[in-house]
Amino acid sequence: MARGGFPGMGNMNQIMQQAKKMQKQMEDAQKELGEKTIETTVGGGMVTVTANGNREILSIDIKPEVVDPEDVEMLEDLVLAAVNEALRNVDEMVGKQMSQLTGGMGIPGLF
């Protein structure tokens, strides 16, 4: 019989310790990702978006020469494209980091 008189209790304690360790690693990874940034440029450098690993847009840089009052729709499209691409890049960065942490096991709902 295992310690404490219950079969399998030693294994349960080991599993709980591993879960706590993984939780700490996840918290550390999330903090690290929040400090990492992704910069995405579209339109030949006309619009640049910077986002962090928490999917927060930190800045949008628009070159003055792309601002045309007669064609606001083009500027809107460039900003939209830059933001969406930045968020896709962040998702890719997060996915790579989480894959390293989980050993490639796709655990749903981690980030």
PDB file of N, CA and C in Angstrom:
ATOM      1  N   MET A   1       0.831  -1.189   0.000  1.00  0.00           N
ATOM      2  CA  MET A   1       0.000   0.000   0.000  1.00  0.00           C
ATOM      3  C   MET A   1       0.875   1.252   0.000  1.00  0.00           C
ATOM      4  N   ALA A   2       0.414   2.280  -0.670  1.00  0.00           N
ATOM      5  CA  ALA A   2       1.164   3.527  -0.743  1.00  0.00           C
ATOM      6  C   ALA A   2       1.049   4.271   0.577  1.00  0.00           C
ATOM      7  N   ARG A   3       1.888   5.297   0.732  1.00  0.00           N
ATOM      8  CA  ARG A   3       1.817   6.132   1.939  1.00  0.00           C
ATOM      9  C   ARG A   3       0.401   6.596   2.185  1.00  0.00           C
ATOM     10  N   GLY A   4       0.057   6.716   3.463  1.00  0.00           N
ATOM     11  CA  GLY A   4      -1.266   7.214   3.806  1.00  0.00           C
ATOM     12  C   GLY A   4      -2.344   6.155   3.681  1.00  0.00           C
ATOM     13  N   GLY A   5      -1.977   4.977   3.232  1.00  0.00           N
ATOM     14  CA  GLY A   5      -2.931   3.888   3.192  1.00  0.00           C
ATOM     15  C   GLY A   5      -3.820   3.881   1.959  1.00  0.00           C
ATOM     16  N   PHE A   6      -3.642   4.800   1.030  1.00  0.00           N
ATOM     17  CA  PHE A   6      -4.479   4.828  -0.171  1.00  0.00           C
ATOM     18  C   PHE A   6      -3.625   4.526  -1.383  1.00  0.00           C
ATOM     19  N   PRO A   7      -3.963   3.491  -2.116  1.00  0.00           N
ATOM     20  CA  PRO A   7      -3.176   3.166  -3.310  1.00  0.00           C
ATOM     21  C   PRO A   7      -3.212   4.323  -4.306  1.00  0.00           C
ATOM     22  N   GLY A   8      -2.083   4.621  -4.891  1.00  0.00           N
ATOM     23  CA  GLY A   8      -2.034   5.643  -5.933  1.00  0.00           C
ATOM     24  C   GLY A   8      -1.877   7.072  -5.432  1.00  0.00           C
ATOM     25  N   MET A   9      -1.858   7.284  -4.102  1.00  0.00           N
ATOM     26  CA  MET A   9      -1.734   8.663  -3.589  1.00  0.00           C
ATOM     27  C   MET A   9      -0.389   9.280  -3.957  1.00  0.00           C
ATOM     28  N   GLY A  10       0.683   8.465  -3.965  1.00  0.00           N
ATOM     29  CA  GLY A  10       1.987   8.992  -4.354  1.00  0.00           C
ATOM     30  C   GLY A  10       1.962   9.516  -5.778  1.00  0.00           C
ATOM     31  N   ASN A  11       1.292   8.797  -6.664  1.00  0.00           N
ATOM     32  CA  ASN A  11       1.172   9.232  -8.054  1.00  0.00           C
ATOM     33  C   ASN A  11       0.369  10.517  -8.155  1.00  0.00           C
ATOM     34  N   MET A  12      -0.689  10.629  -7.357  1.00  0.00           N
ATOM     35  CA  MET A  12      -1.528  11.833  -7.376  1.00  0.00           C
ATOM     36  C   MET A  12      -0.723  13.049  -6.932  1.00  0.00           C
ATOM     37  N   ASN A  13       0.089  12.880  -5.889  1.00  0.00           N
ATOM     38  CA  ASN A  13       0.919  13.992  -5.426  1.00  0.00           C
ATOM     39  C   ASN A  13       1.914  14.406  -6.501  1.00  0.00           C
ATOM     40  N   GLN A  14       2.470  13.425  -7.188  1.00  0.00           N
ATOM     41  CA  GLN A  14       3.427  13.716  -8.258  1.00  0.00           C
ATOM     42  C   GLN A  14       2.731  14.469  -9.401  1.00  0.00           C
ATOM     43  N   ILE A  15       1.541  14.042  -9.737  1.00  0.00           N
ATOM     44  CA  ILE A  15       0.770  14.712 -10.801  1.00  0.00           C
ATOM     45  C   ILE A  15       0.458  16.147 -10.395  1.00  0.00           C
ATOM     46  N   MET A  16       0.088  16.356  -9.146  1.00  0.00           N
ATOM     47  CA  MET A  16      -0.224  17.709  -8.667  1.00  0.00           C
ATOM     48  C   MET A  16       1.021  18.602  -8.712  1.00  0.00           C
ATOM     49  N   GLN A  17       2.172  18.048  -8.334  1.00  0.00           N
ATOM     50  CA  GLN A  17       3.411  18.820  -8.395  1.00  0.00           C
ATOM     51  C   GLN A  17       3.747  19.190  -9.835  1.00  0.00           C
ATOM     52  N   GLN A  18       3.557  18.262 -10.752  1.00  0.00           N
ATOM     53  CA  GLN A  18       3.822  18.531 -12.166  1.00  0.00           C
ATOM     54  C   GLN A  18       2.859  19.592 -12.696  1.00  0.00           C
ATOM     55  N   ALA A  19       1.600  19.515 -12.261  1.00  0.00           N
ATOM     56  CA  ALA A  19       0.605  20.507 -12.700  1.00  0.00           C
ATOM     57  C   ALA A  19       0.976  21.895 -12.196  1.00  0.00           C
ATOM     58  N   LYS A  20       1.434  21.995 -10.950  1.00  0.00           N
ATOM     59  CA  LYS A  20       1.842  23.297 -10.399  1.00  0.00           C
ATOM     60  C   LYS A  20       3.050  23.843 -11.147  1.00  0.00           C
ATOM     61  N   LYS A  21       3.985  22.952 -11.465  1.00  0.00           N
ATOM     62  CA  LYS A  21       5.178  23.363 -12.208  1.00  0.00           C
ATOM     63  C   LYS A  21       4.782  23.885 -13.586  1.00  0.00           C
ATOM     64  N   MET A  22       3.889  23.163 -14.260  1.00  0.00           N
ATOM     65  CA  MET A  22       3.455  23.594 -15.586  1.00  0.00           C
ATOM     66  C   MET A  22       2.688  24.920 -15.503  1.00  0.00           C
ATOM     67  N   GLN A  23       1.884  25.095 -14.466  1.00  0.00           N
ATOM     68  CA  GLN A  23       1.152  26.353 -14.295  1.00  0.00           C
ATOM     69  C   GLN A  23       2.127  27.516 -14.142  1.00  0.00           C
ATOM     70  N   LYS A  24       3.185  27.318 -13.362  1.00  0.00           N
ATOM     71  CA  LYS A  24       4.195  28.365 -13.189  1.00  0.00           C
ATOM     72  C   LYS A  24       4.885  28.661 -14.516  1.00  0.00           C
ATOM     73  N   GLN A  25       5.200  27.621 -15.280  1.00  0.00           N
ATOM     74  CA  GLN A  25       5.838  27.812 -16.584  1.00  0.00           C
ATOM     75  C   GLN A  25       4.908  28.587 -17.521  1.00  0.00           C
ATOM     76  N   MET A  26       3.617  28.287 -17.462  1.00  0.00           N
ATOM     77  CA  MET A  26       2.641  28.983 -18.306  1.00  0.00           C
ATOM     78  C   MET A  26       2.568  30.466 -17.921  1.00  0.00           C
ATOM     79  N   GLU A  27       2.546  30.739 -16.629  1.00  0.00           N
ATOM     80  CA  GLU A  27       2.503  32.134 -16.165  1.00  0.00           C
ATOM     81  C   GLU A  27       3.748  32.882 -16.616  1.00  0.00           C
ATOM     82  N   ASP A  28       4.908  32.234 -16.490  1.00  0.00           N
ATOM     83  CA  ASP A  28       6.160  32.859 -16.936  1.00  0.00           C
ATOM     84  C   ASP A  28       6.144  33.115 -18.438  1.00  0.00           C
ATOM     85  N   ALA A  29       5.638  32.134 -19.197  1.00  0.00           N
ATOM     86  CA  ALA A  29       5.570  32.278 -20.658  1.00  0.00           C
ATOM     87  C   ALA A  29       4.633  33.408 -21.041  1.00  0.00           C
ATOM     88  N   GLN A  30       3.504  33.503 -20.353  1.00  0.00           N
ATOM     89  CA  GLN A  30       2.542  34.566 -20.664  1.00  0.00           C
ATOM     90  C   GLN A  30       3.150  35.931 -20.383  1.00  0.00           C
ATOM     91  N   LYS A  31       3.882  36.053 -19.281  1.00  0.00           N
ATOM     92  CA  LYS A  31       4.541  37.319 -18.965  1.00  0.00           C
ATOM     93  C   LYS A  31       5.576  37.654 -20.028  1.00  0.00           C
ATOM     94  N   GLU A  32       6.367  36.647 -20.414  1.00  0.00           N
ATOM     95  CA  GLU A  32       7.395  36.844 -21.430  1.00  0.00           C
ATOM     96  C   GLU A  32       6.779  37.266 -22.761  1.00  0.00           C
ATOM     97  N   LEU A  33       5.678  36.619 -23.135  1.00  0.00           N
ATOM     98  CA  LEU A  33       5.012  36.966 -24.394  1.00  0.00           C
ATOM     99  C   LEU A  33       4.481  38.400 -24.359  1.00  0.00           C
ATOM    100  N   GLY A  34       3.996  38.837 -23.205  1.00  0.00           N
ATOM    101  CA  GLY A  34       3.502  40.207 -23.086  1.00  0.00           C
ATOM    102  C   GLY A  34       4.582  41.240 -23.293  1.00  0.00           C
ATOM    103  N   GLU A  35       5.834  40.823 -23.073  1.00  0.00           N
ATOM    104  CA  GLU A  35       6.962  41.739 -23.247  1.00  0.00           C
ATOM    105  C   GLU A  35       7.529  41.704 -24.660  1.00  0.00           C
ATOM    106  N   LYS A  36       7.175  40.682 -25.437  1.00  0.00           N
ATOM    107  CA  LYS A  36       7.656  40.571 -26.815  1.00  0.00           C
ATOM    108  C   LYS A  36       6.752  41.383 -27.734  1.00  0.00           C
ATOM    109  N   THR A  37       7.348  41.940 -28.782  1.00  0.00           N
ATOM    110  CA  THR A  37       6.560  42.705 -29.742  1.00  0.00           C
ATOM    111  C   THR A  37       6.772  42.167 -31.154  1.00  0.00           C
ATOM    112  N   ILE A  38       5.774  42.403 -31.963  1.00  0.00           N
ATOM    113  CA  ILE A  38       5.795  42.055 -33.384  1.00  0.00           C
ATOM    114  C   ILE A  38       5.525  43.348 -34.144  1.00  0.00           C
ATOM    115  N   GLU A  39       6.346  43.632 -35.138  1.00  0.00           N
ATOM    116  CA  GLU A  39       6.139  44.809 -35.980  1.00  0.00           C
ATOM    117  C   GLU A  39       5.803  44.322 -37.382  1.00  0.00           C
ATOM    118  N   THR A  40       4.700  44.801 -37.921  1.00  0.00           N
ATOM    119  CA  THR A  40       4.235  44.391 -39.238  1.00  0.00           C
ATOM    120  C   THR A  40       4.053  45.625 -40.107  1.00  0.00           C
ATOM    121  N   THR A  41       4.565  45.553 -41.329  1.00  0.00           N
ATOM    122  CA  THR A  41       4.482  46.674 -42.254  1.00  0.00           C
ATOM    123  C   THR A  41       3.759  46.234 -43.518  1.00  0.00           C
ATOM    124  N   VAL A  42       2.868  47.082 -44.015  1.00  0.00           N
ATOM    125  CA  VAL A  42       2.155  46.822 -45.268  1.00  0.00           C
ATOM    126  C   VAL A  42       2.257  48.051 -46.164  1.00  0.00           C
ATOM    127  N   GLY A  43       1.841  47.857 -47.410  1.00  0.00           N
ATOM    128  CA  GLY A  43       1.831  48.979 -48.353  1.00  0.00           C
ATOM    129  C   GLY A  43       3.216  49.517 -48.637  1.00  0.00           C
ATOM    130  N   GLY A  44       4.197  48.636 -48.709  1.00  0.00           N
ATOM    131  CA  GLY A  44       5.549  49.093 -49.004  1.00  0.00           C
ATOM    132  C   GLY A  44       6.110  50.009 -47.932  1.00  0.00           C
ATOM    133  N   GLY A  45       5.717  49.776 -46.681  1.00  0.00           N
ATOM    134  CA  GLY A  45       6.223  50.585 -45.569  1.00  0.00           C
ATOM    135  C   GLY A  45       5.334  51.760 -45.212  1.00  0.00           C
ATOM    136  N   MET A  46       4.193  51.855 -45.849  1.00  0.00           N
ATOM    137  CA  MET A  46       3.303  52.992 -45.607  1.00  0.00           C
ATOM    138  C   MET A  46       2.604  52.933 -44.240  1.00  0.00           C
ATOM    139  N   VAL A  47       2.277  51.722 -43.783  1.00  0.00           N
ATOM    140  CA  VAL A  47       1.613  51.558 -42.493  1.00  0.00           C
ATOM    141  C   VAL A  47       2.346  50.465 -41.723  1.00  0.00           C
ATOM    142  N   THR A  48       2.725  50.784 -40.490  1.00  0.00           N
ATOM    143  CA  THR A  48       3.396  49.830 -39.615  1.00  0.00           C
ATOM    144  C   THR A  48       2.618  49.716 -38.319  1.00  0.00           C
ATOM    145  N   VAL A  49       2.345  48.469 -37.911  1.00  0.00           N
ATOM    146  CA  VAL A  49       1.625  48.198 -36.673  1.00  0.00           C
ATOM    147  C   VAL A  49       2.540  47.390 -35.761  1.00  0.00           C
ATOM    148  N   THR A  50       2.599  47.792 -34.504  1.00  0.00           N
ATOM    149  CA  THR A  50       3.357  47.050 -33.493  1.00  0.00           C
ATOM    150  C   THR A  50       2.374  46.508 -32.473  1.00  0.00           C
ATOM    151  N   ALA A  51       2.485  45.198 -32.200  1.00  0.00           N
ATOM    152  CA  ALA A  51       1.608  44.534 -31.234  1.00  0.00           C
ATOM    153  C   ALA A  51       2.478  43.717 -30.284  1.00  0.00           C
ATOM    154  N   ASN A  52       1.918  43.426 -29.097  1.00  0.00           N
ATOM    155  CA  ASN A  52       2.655  42.566 -28.174  1.00  0.00           C
ATOM    156  C   ASN A  52       2.025  41.180 -28.124  1.00  0.00           C
ATOM    157  N   GLY A  53       2.652  40.292 -27.380  1.00  0.00           N
ATOM    158  CA  GLY A  53       2.192  38.917 -27.286  1.00  0.00           C
ATOM    159  C   GLY A  53       0.858  38.742 -26.591  1.00  0.00           C
ATOM    160  N   ASN A  54       0.341  39.802 -26.004  1.00  0.00           N
ATOM    161  CA  ASN A  54      -0.992  39.761 -25.395  1.00  0.00           C
ATOM    162  C   ASN A  54      -2.073  40.211 -26.376  1.00  0.00           C
ATOM    163  N   ARG A  55      -1.703  40.326 -27.647  1.00  0.00           N
ATOM    164  CA  ARG A  55      -2.618  40.753 -28.712  1.00  0.00           C
ATOM    165  C   ARG A  55      -3.097  42.194 -28.508  1.00  0.00           C
ATOM    166  N   GLU A  56      -2.243  43.017 -27.940  1.00  0.00           N
ATOM    167  CA  GLU A  56      -2.544  44.434 -27.774  1.00  0.00           C
ATOM    168  C   GLU A  56      -1.779  45.212 -28.844  1.00  0.00           C
ATOM    169  N   ILE A  57      -2.487  46.110 -29.525  1.00  0.00           N
ATOM    170  CA  ILE A  57      -1.839  46.973 -30.512  1.00  0.00           C
ATOM    171  C   ILE A  57      -1.156  48.097 -29.740  1.00  0.00           C
ATOM    172  N   LEU A  58       0.163  48.197 -29.889  1.00  0.00           N
ATOM    173  CA  LEU A  58       0.930  49.189 -29.147  1.00  0.00           C
ATOM    174  C   LEU A  58       1.082  50.492 -29.914  1.00  0.00           C
ATOM    175  N   SER A  59       1.187  50.387 -31.239  1.00  0.00           N
ATOM    176  CA  SER A  59       1.336  51.604 -32.035  1.00  0.00           C
ATOM    177  C   SER A  59       0.960  51.344 -33.482  1.00  0.00           C
ATOM    178  N   ILE A  60       0.562  52.419 -34.137  1.00  0.00           N
ATOM    179  CA  ILE A  60       0.302  52.401 -35.577  1.00  0.00           C
ATOM    180  C   ILE A  60       1.021  53.610 -36.153  1.00  0.00           C
ATOM    181  N   ASP A  61       1.914  53.347 -37.106  1.00  0.00           N
ATOM    182  CA  ASP A  61       2.670  54.416 -37.749  1.00  0.00           C
ATOM    183  C   ASP A  61       2.197  54.520 -39.200  1.00  0.00           C
ATOM    184  N   ILE A  62       1.756  55.715 -39.594  1.00  0.00           N
ATOM    185  CA  ILE A  62       1.261  55.952 -40.954  1.00  0.00           C
ATOM    186  C   ILE A  62       2.134  57.027 -41.591  1.00  0.00           C
ATOM    187  N   LYS A  63       2.728  56.696 -42.719  1.00  0.00           N
ATOM    188  CA  LYS A  63       3.556  57.675 -43.434  1.00  0.00           C
ATOM    189  C   LYS A  63       2.647  58.765 -44.007  1.00  0.00           C
ATOM    190  N   PRO A  64       3.042  60.014 -43.878  1.00  0.00           N
ATOM    191  CA  PRO A  64       2.209  61.124 -44.342  1.00  0.00           C
ATOM    192  C   PRO A  64       1.806  61.031 -45.812  1.00  0.00           C
ATOM    193  N   GLU A  65       2.693  60.474 -46.649  1.00  0.00           N
ATOM    194  CA  GLU A  65       2.388  60.432 -48.079  1.00  0.00           C
ATOM    195  C   GLU A  65       1.244  59.486 -48.433  1.00  0.00           C
ATOM    196  N   VAL A  66       0.847  58.598 -47.508  1.00  0.00           N
ATOM    197  CA  VAL A  66      -0.273  57.696 -47.791  1.00  0.00           C
ATOM    198  C   VAL A  66      -1.615  58.343 -47.411  1.00  0.00           C
ATOM    199  N   VAL A  67      -1.551  59.456 -46.701  1.00  0.00           N
ATOM    200  CA  VAL A  67      -2.787  60.129 -46.273  1.00  0.00           C
ATOM    201  C   VAL A  67      -3.301  60.989 -47.422  1.00  0.00           C
ATOM    202  N   ASP A  68      -4.381  60.537 -48.024  1.00  0.00           N
ATOM    203  CA  ASP A  68      -5.005  61.239 -49.136  1.00  0.00           C
ATOM    204  C   ASP A  68      -6.472  61.450 -48.785  1.00  0.00           C
ATOM    205  N   PRO A  69      -6.879  62.703 -48.526  1.00  0.00           N
ATOM    206  CA  PRO A  69      -8.275  62.964 -48.159  1.00  0.00           C
ATOM    207  C   PRO A  69      -9.271  62.487 -49.220  1.00  0.00           C
ATOM    208  N   GLU A  70      -8.792  62.325 -50.447  1.00  0.00           N
ATOM    209  CA  GLU A  70      -9.657  61.870 -51.524  1.00  0.00           C
ATOM    210  C   GLU A  70      -9.790  60.340 -51.558  1.00  0.00           C
ATOM    211  N   ASP A  71      -8.919  59.651 -50.808  1.00  0.00           N
ATOM    212  CA  ASP A  71      -8.946  58.190 -50.828  1.00  0.00           C
ATOM    213  C   ASP A  71      -8.751  57.629 -49.414  1.00  0.00           C
ATOM    214  N   VAL A  72      -9.658  57.988 -48.539  1.00  0.00           N
ATOM    215  CA  VAL A  72      -9.608  57.522 -47.157  1.00  0.00           C
ATOM    216  C   VAL A  72      -9.772  56.001 -47.097  1.00  0.00           C
ATOM    217  N   GLU A  73     -10.526  55.457 -48.013  1.00  0.00           N
ATOM    218  CA  GLU A  73     -10.778  54.016 -48.025  1.00  0.00           C
ATOM    219  C   GLU A  73      -9.475  53.221 -48.184  1.00  0.00           C
ATOM    220  N   MET A  74      -8.550  53.701 -48.992  1.00  0.00           N
ATOM    221  CA  MET A  74      -7.278  53.007 -49.165  1.00  0.00           C
ATOM    222  C   MET A  74      -6.503  52.981 -47.840  1.00  0.00           C
ATOM    223  N   LEU A  75      -6.490  54.101 -47.140  1.00  0.00           N
ATOM    224  CA  LEU A  75      -5.799  54.182 -45.858  1.00  0.00           C
ATOM    225  C   LEU A  75      -6.452  53.233 -44.846  1.00  0.00           C
ATOM    226  N   GLU A  76      -7.758  53.214 -44.828  1.00  0.00           N
ATOM    227  CA  GLU A  76      -8.472  52.293 -43.933  1.00  0.00           C
ATOM    228  C   GLU A  76      -8.106  50.847 -44.245  1.00  0.00           C
ATOM    229  N   ASP A  77      -8.051  50.507 -45.526  1.00  0.00           N
ATOM    230  CA  ASP A  77      -7.697  49.145 -45.930  1.00  0.00           C
ATOM    231  C   ASP A  77      -6.272  48.781 -45.505  1.00  0.00           C
ATOM    232  N   LEU A  78      -5.349  49.734 -45.654  1.00  0.00           N
ATOM    233  CA  LEU A  78      -3.962  49.485 -45.250  1.00  0.00           C
ATOM    234  C   LEU A  78      -3.854  49.265 -43.740  1.00  0.00           C
ATOM    235  N   VAL A  79      -4.549  50.098 -42.969  1.00  0.00           N
ATOM    236  CA  VAL A  79      -4.516  49.954 -41.506  1.00  0.00           C
ATOM    237  C   VAL A  79      -5.131  48.624 -41.099  1.00  0.00           C
ATOM    238  N   LEU A  80      -6.253  48.293 -41.696  1.00  0.00           N
ATOM    239  CA  LEU A  80      -6.915  47.026 -41.393  1.00  0.00           C
ATOM    240  C   LEU A  80      -6.011  45.840 -41.735  1.00  0.00           C
ATOM    241  N   ALA A  81      -5.380  45.891 -42.890  1.00  0.00           N
ATOM    242  CA  ALA A  81      -4.483  44.806 -43.306  1.00  0.00           C
ATOM    243  C   ALA A  81      -3.295  44.689 -42.350  1.00  0.00           C
ATOM    244  N   ALA A  82      -2.738  45.812 -41.946  1.00  0.00           N
ATOM    245  CA  ALA A  82      -1.584  45.799 -41.042  1.00  0.00           C
ATOM    246  C   ALA A  82      -1.960  45.250 -39.670  1.00  0.00           C
ATOM    247  N   VAL A  83      -3.098  45.650 -39.144  1.00  0.00           N
ATOM    248  CA  VAL A  83      -3.548  45.172 -37.833  1.00  0.00           C
ATOM    249  C   VAL A  83      -3.816  43.671 -37.885  1.00  0.00           C
ATOM    250  N   ASN A  84      -4.528  43.220 -38.907  1.00  0.00           N
ATOM    251  CA  ASN A  84      -4.830  41.785 -39.021  1.00  0.00           C
ATOM    252  C   ASN A  84      -3.561  40.957 -39.182  1.00  0.00           C
ATOM    253  N   GLU A  85      -2.620  41.434 -39.973  1.00  0.00           N
ATOM    254  CA  GLU A  85      -1.365  40.713 -40.164  1.00  0.00           C
ATOM    255  C   GLU A  85      -0.556  40.698 -38.864  1.00  0.00           C
ATOM    256  N   ALA A  86      -0.532  41.792 -38.149  1.00  0.00           N
ATOM    257  CA  ALA A  86       0.177  41.837 -36.865  1.00  0.00           C
ATOM    258  C   ALA A  86      -0.416  40.822 -35.891  1.00  0.00           C
ATOM    259  N   LEU A  87      -1.739  40.752 -35.827  1.00  0.00           N
ATOM    260  CA  LEU A  87      -2.380  39.797 -34.916  1.00  0.00           C
ATOM    261  C   LEU A  87      -2.118  38.353 -35.344  1.00  0.00           C
ATOM    262  N   ARG A  88      -2.092  38.092 -36.652  1.00  0.00           N
ATOM    263  CA  ARG A  88      -1.744  36.742 -37.123  1.00  0.00           C
ATOM    264  C   ARG A  88      -0.312  36.389 -36.715  1.00  0.00           C
ATOM    265  N   ASN A  89       0.584  37.359 -36.844  1.00  0.00           N
ATOM    266  CA  ASN A  89       1.981  37.134 -36.466  1.00  0.00           C
ATOM    267  C   ASN A  89       2.116  36.886 -34.962  1.00  0.00           C
ATOM    268  N   VAL A  90       1.331  37.604 -34.169  1.00  0.00           N
ATOM    269  CA  VAL A  90       1.342  37.384 -32.720  1.00  0.00           C
ATOM    270  C   VAL A  90       0.841  35.975 -32.414  1.00  0.00           C
ATOM    271  N   ASP A  91      -0.245  35.561 -33.065  1.00  0.00           N
ATOM    272  CA  ASP A  91      -0.776  34.216 -32.839  1.00  0.00           C
ATOM    273  C   ASP A  91       0.270  33.153 -33.172  1.00  0.00           C
ATOM    274  N   GLU A  92       1.012  33.379 -34.250  1.00  0.00           N
ATOM    275  CA  GLU A  92       2.058  32.443 -34.641  1.00  0.00           C
ATOM    276  C   GLU A  92       3.163  32.394 -33.584  1.00  0.00           C
ATOM    277  N   MET A  93       3.561  33.578 -33.085  1.00  0.00           N
ATOM    278  CA  MET A  93       4.593  33.649 -32.057  1.00  0.00           C
ATOM    279  C   MET A  93       4.131  32.931 -30.785  1.00  0.00           C
ATOM    280  N   VAL A  94       2.897  33.167 -30.379  1.00  0.00           N
ATOM    281  CA  VAL A  94       2.345  32.531 -29.185  1.00  0.00           C
ATOM    282  C   VAL A  94       2.270  31.020 -29.387  1.00  0.00           C
ATOM    283  N   GLY A  95       1.825  30.603 -30.562  1.00  0.00           N
ATOM    284  CA  GLY A  95       1.725  29.176 -30.856  1.00  0.00           C
ATOM    285  C   GLY A  95       3.072  28.480 -30.765  1.00  0.00           C
ATOM    286  N   LYS A  96       4.105  29.111 -31.292  1.00  0.00           N
ATOM    287  CA  LYS A  96       5.450  28.527 -31.224  1.00  0.00           C
ATOM    288  C   LYS A  96       5.914  28.413 -29.779  1.00  0.00           C
ATOM    289  N   GLN A  97       5.691  29.460 -29.003  1.00  0.00           N
ATOM    290  CA  GLN A  97       6.130  29.448 -27.602  1.00  0.00           C
ATOM    291  C   GLN A  97       5.376  28.380 -26.813  1.00  0.00           C
ATOM    292  N   MET A  98       4.084  28.284 -27.027  1.00  0.00           N
ATOM    293  CA  MET A  98       3.287  27.297 -26.299  1.00  0.00           C
ATOM    294  C   MET A  98       3.643  25.875 -26.732  1.00  0.00           C
ATOM    295  N   SER A  99       3.958  25.703 -28.006  1.00  0.00           N
ATOM    296  CA  SER A  99       4.350  24.390 -28.508  1.00  0.00           C
ATOM    297  C   SER A  99       5.639  23.937 -27.833  1.00  0.00           C
ATOM    298  N   GLN A 100       6.561  24.861 -27.636  1.00  0.00           N
ATOM    299  CA  GLN A 100       7.805  24.530 -26.943  1.00  0.00           C
ATOM    300  C   GLN A 100       7.509  24.135 -25.495  1.00  0.00           C
ATOM    301  N   LEU A 101       6.596  24.845 -24.865  1.00  0.00           N
ATOM    302  CA  LEU A 101       6.275  24.597 -23.466  1.00  0.00           C
ATOM    303  C   LEU A 101       5.540  23.280 -23.274  1.00  0.00           C
ATOM    304  N   THR A 102       4.626  22.965 -24.186  1.00  0.00           N
ATOM    305  CA  THR A 102       3.801  21.763 -24.029  1.00  0.00           C
ATOM    306  C   THR A 102       4.363  20.567 -24.787  1.00  0.00           C
ATOM    307  N   GLY A 103       5.531  20.743 -25.409  1.00  0.00           N
ATOM    308  CA  GLY A 103       6.123  19.641 -26.158  1.00  0.00           C
ATOM    309  C   GLY A 103       5.325  19.265 -27.386  1.00  0.00           C
ATOM    310  N   GLY A 104       4.599  20.230 -27.955  1.00  0.00           N
ATOM    311  CA  GLY A 104       3.834  19.988 -29.171  1.00  0.00           C
ATOM    312  C   GLY A 104       2.428  19.459 -28.935  1.00  0.00           C
ATOM    313  N   MET A 105       2.078  19.218 -27.670  1.00  0.00           N
ATOM    314  CA  MET A 105       0.705  18.767 -27.383  1.00  0.00           C
ATOM    315  C   MET A 105      -0.222  19.963 -27.533  1.00  0.00           C
ATOM    316  N   GLY A 106      -1.145  19.913 -28.430  1.00  0.00           N
ATOM    317  CA  GLY A 106      -2.085  21.012 -28.621  1.00  0.00           C
ATOM    318  C   GLY A 106      -3.148  21.008 -27.530  1.00  0.00           C
ATOM    319  N   ILE A 107      -2.847  21.681 -26.427  1.00  0.00           N
ATOM    320  CA  ILE A 107      -3.801  21.724 -25.315  1.00  0.00           C
ATOM    321  C   ILE A 107      -4.750  22.893 -25.542  1.00  0.00           C
ATOM    322  N   PRO A 108      -6.024  22.622 -25.780  1.00  0.00           N
ATOM    323  CA  PRO A 108      -6.979  23.689 -26.078  1.00  0.00           C
ATOM    324  C   PRO A 108      -7.140  24.652 -24.895  1.00  0.00           C
ATOM    325  N   GLY A 109      -7.316  25.916 -25.246  1.00  0.00           N
ATOM    326  CA  GLY A 109      -7.635  26.924 -24.243  1.00  0.00           C
ATOM    327  C   GLY A 109      -6.457  27.454 -23.454  1.00  0.00           C
ATOM    328  N   LEU A 110      -5.216  27.115 -23.856  1.00  0.00           N
ATOM    329  CA  LEU A 110      -4.078  27.607 -23.097  1.00  0.00           C
ATOM    330  C   LEU A 110      -3.855  29.092 -23.301  1.00  0.00           C
ATOM    331  N   PHE A 111      -4.042  29.584 -24.494  1.00  0.00           N
ATOM    332  CA  PHE A 111      -3.865  31.011 -24.776  1.00  0.00           C
ATOM    333  C   PHE A 111      -4.840  31.438 -25.807  1.00  0.00           C
TER     334      PHE A 111
END
